Protein backbone atom coordinates (compact mmCIF):
# COMPACT_ATOMS: atom_id res chain seq x y z
CA MET A 1 43.85 27.15 77.17
CA ILE A 2 44.16 30.39 75.17
CA GLN A 3 40.72 31.48 76.35
CA PHE A 4 41.71 30.83 79.98
CA ARG A 5 44.87 32.99 79.63
CA PHE A 6 42.85 35.78 78.02
CA ILE A 7 40.29 35.79 80.86
CA LEU A 8 43.05 35.63 83.47
CA THR A 9 44.83 38.59 81.85
CA ILE A 10 41.64 40.66 81.84
CA LEU A 11 40.91 39.83 85.47
CA LEU A 12 44.41 40.87 86.50
CA CYS A 13 44.23 44.16 84.56
CA LEU A 14 40.77 45.28 85.73
CA PRO A 15 41.83 46.44 89.22
CA LEU A 16 44.66 48.48 87.71
CA LEU A 17 42.31 50.13 85.21
CA PHE A 18 39.70 50.81 87.91
CA PHE A 19 42.28 52.40 90.23
CA THR A 20 43.72 54.62 87.48
CA VAL A 21 40.32 55.94 86.33
CA ASN A 22 39.09 56.63 89.87
CA SER A 23 42.25 58.36 91.04
CA THR A 24 42.22 60.90 88.19
CA ALA A 25 38.46 61.48 88.13
CA SER A 26 38.22 62.44 91.79
CA HIS A 27 40.44 65.57 91.61
CA THR A 28 38.60 68.86 91.16
CA LEU A 29 40.55 71.99 90.30
CA THR A 30 40.18 74.72 92.88
CA PHE A 31 40.31 78.40 91.99
CA GLY A 32 43.36 78.86 94.21
CA GLU A 33 45.20 75.98 92.54
CA VAL A 34 44.64 77.48 89.08
CA ILE A 35 45.71 80.98 90.15
CA ASP A 36 48.80 79.70 91.97
CA ASN A 37 49.91 77.88 88.81
CA LEU A 38 49.44 81.06 86.74
CA ASP A 39 51.41 83.30 89.13
CA LEU A 40 54.43 84.61 87.21
CA LYS A 41 56.06 85.66 90.48
CA ALA A 42 56.24 82.00 91.55
CA GLN A 43 56.20 80.11 88.21
CA THR A 44 58.27 80.30 85.03
CA LYS A 45 56.74 81.68 81.83
CA TYR A 46 57.10 78.23 80.27
CA HIS A 47 55.22 76.55 83.14
CA VAL A 48 52.38 79.08 82.85
CA LYS A 49 52.19 78.66 79.06
CA GLU A 50 52.03 74.85 79.28
CA TYR A 51 49.59 74.95 82.20
CA ILE A 52 47.21 77.18 80.23
CA LYS A 53 47.35 74.76 77.27
CA SER A 54 46.53 71.83 79.55
CA LEU A 55 43.54 73.59 81.13
CA ARG A 56 41.61 74.91 78.11
CA GLY A 57 38.17 73.31 78.00
CA THR A 58 38.41 71.84 81.51
CA GLU A 59 35.12 72.05 83.43
CA VAL A 60 35.27 73.63 86.88
CA SER A 61 32.74 74.44 89.61
CA TRP A 62 33.50 77.36 91.91
CA LYS A 63 31.76 80.12 93.85
CA GLY A 64 32.24 83.85 94.21
CA GLU A 65 30.67 87.27 94.69
CA VAL A 66 28.92 89.02 91.78
CA THR A 67 30.48 92.41 91.01
CA ASP A 68 28.71 93.21 87.71
CA VAL A 69 26.58 91.75 84.90
CA THR A 70 26.65 92.96 81.29
CA GLY A 71 24.78 91.72 78.24
CA GLY A 72 24.62 92.08 74.49
CA ARG A 73 25.07 90.25 71.20
CA ASN A 74 23.52 86.98 72.40
CA LYS A 75 25.70 86.65 75.47
CA VAL A 76 25.77 87.64 79.11
CA ARG A 77 29.00 88.32 81.02
CA ILE A 78 29.08 88.03 84.79
CA MET A 79 32.07 89.46 86.65
CA VAL A 80 32.78 87.54 89.86
CA ALA A 81 35.27 88.11 92.69
CA ASN A 82 36.80 85.17 94.52
CA THR A 83 38.35 86.91 97.51
CA ASP A 84 40.80 84.06 98.19
CA ARG A 85 43.10 85.65 95.60
CA PRO A 86 43.82 89.23 94.36
CA THR A 87 41.29 90.82 92.01
CA VAL A 88 41.81 92.95 88.91
CA LYS A 89 39.34 95.85 88.59
CA GLY A 90 37.34 94.29 91.44
CA TYR A 91 36.93 90.81 89.94
CA ASN A 92 39.00 87.79 88.93
CA ILE A 93 36.51 85.54 87.12
CA VAL A 94 34.41 86.32 84.02
CA LEU A 95 31.53 83.96 83.23
CA THR A 96 30.15 83.98 79.69
CA ILE A 97 26.66 82.62 79.05
CA TYR A 98 25.66 82.33 75.38
CA ASN A 99 21.91 82.99 75.39
CA ASP A 100 19.69 85.80 74.20
CA TYR A 101 18.29 86.03 77.70
CA ASP A 102 19.29 84.24 80.85
CA SER A 103 16.79 84.72 83.67
CA ALA A 104 19.24 83.60 86.37
CA ALA A 105 21.78 86.21 85.23
CA ALA A 106 19.11 88.92 84.95
CA ASN A 107 18.17 88.44 88.61
CA LEU A 108 21.70 88.65 90.02
CA LYS A 109 22.58 91.47 92.41
CA LYS A 110 25.96 93.02 93.19
CA GLY A 111 27.44 91.36 96.26
CA GLN A 112 25.41 88.16 95.80
CA ILE A 113 27.36 84.93 96.39
CA ILE A 114 26.78 82.40 93.59
CA LYS A 115 27.92 78.90 92.70
CA PHE A 116 28.69 78.34 89.03
CA SER A 117 30.39 76.02 86.58
CA GLY A 118 31.90 76.43 83.14
CA ALA A 119 34.76 75.53 80.82
CA LEU A 120 38.12 77.24 81.34
CA ASN A 121 38.79 79.27 78.22
CA ASN A 122 41.30 82.06 78.73
CA PHE A 123 43.41 83.87 81.32
CA LYS A 124 44.60 87.46 81.61
CA GLY A 125 47.23 88.79 84.01
CA GLY A 126 46.74 92.08 85.82
CA ARG A 127 49.29 94.69 86.88
CA ASN A 128 48.97 93.96 90.60
CA GLY A 129 49.73 90.27 90.14
CA GLY A 130 46.08 89.29 89.93
CA VAL A 131 44.76 87.02 87.19
CA ILE A 132 41.36 87.03 85.49
CA VAL A 133 40.01 83.60 84.59
CA PHE A 134 37.45 83.37 81.75
CA LEU A 135 34.85 80.57 81.78
CA ASP A 136 32.75 79.80 78.69
CA ASN A 137 29.30 78.20 78.58
CA ALA A 138 28.86 79.05 82.24
CA ARG A 139 25.91 77.88 84.29
CA ILE A 140 24.68 79.37 87.54
CA LYS A 141 23.73 76.73 90.08
């Protein structure tokens, strides 16, 4: 009888567990969603602070236009502009790739549209209301 109750309990809980896991796993953060939540003109400082804490390390996949590529000290930095939101110094996303040499990054051209992914690491506000988003361990797709 105890075994029957245990099995019945598991069978009743499985749909709930399945629904919860699937509903949270299907949401992908968009660039616009992140920037809108970091906008100090629309959000409180406390909201922005807590939102940043909740995002660190989150993997995202976005696209944008290459504005510059720099390298040195075992890393490559790619500056990218997503024109859906204001830029700071011509870009609003910085991708960091930790390799001595990354052939995909070496072949990028200014103005090229790329798809990329990486872990959200840091954020920096600009004077014109723009925000720069920093992604670590980035990969060009």
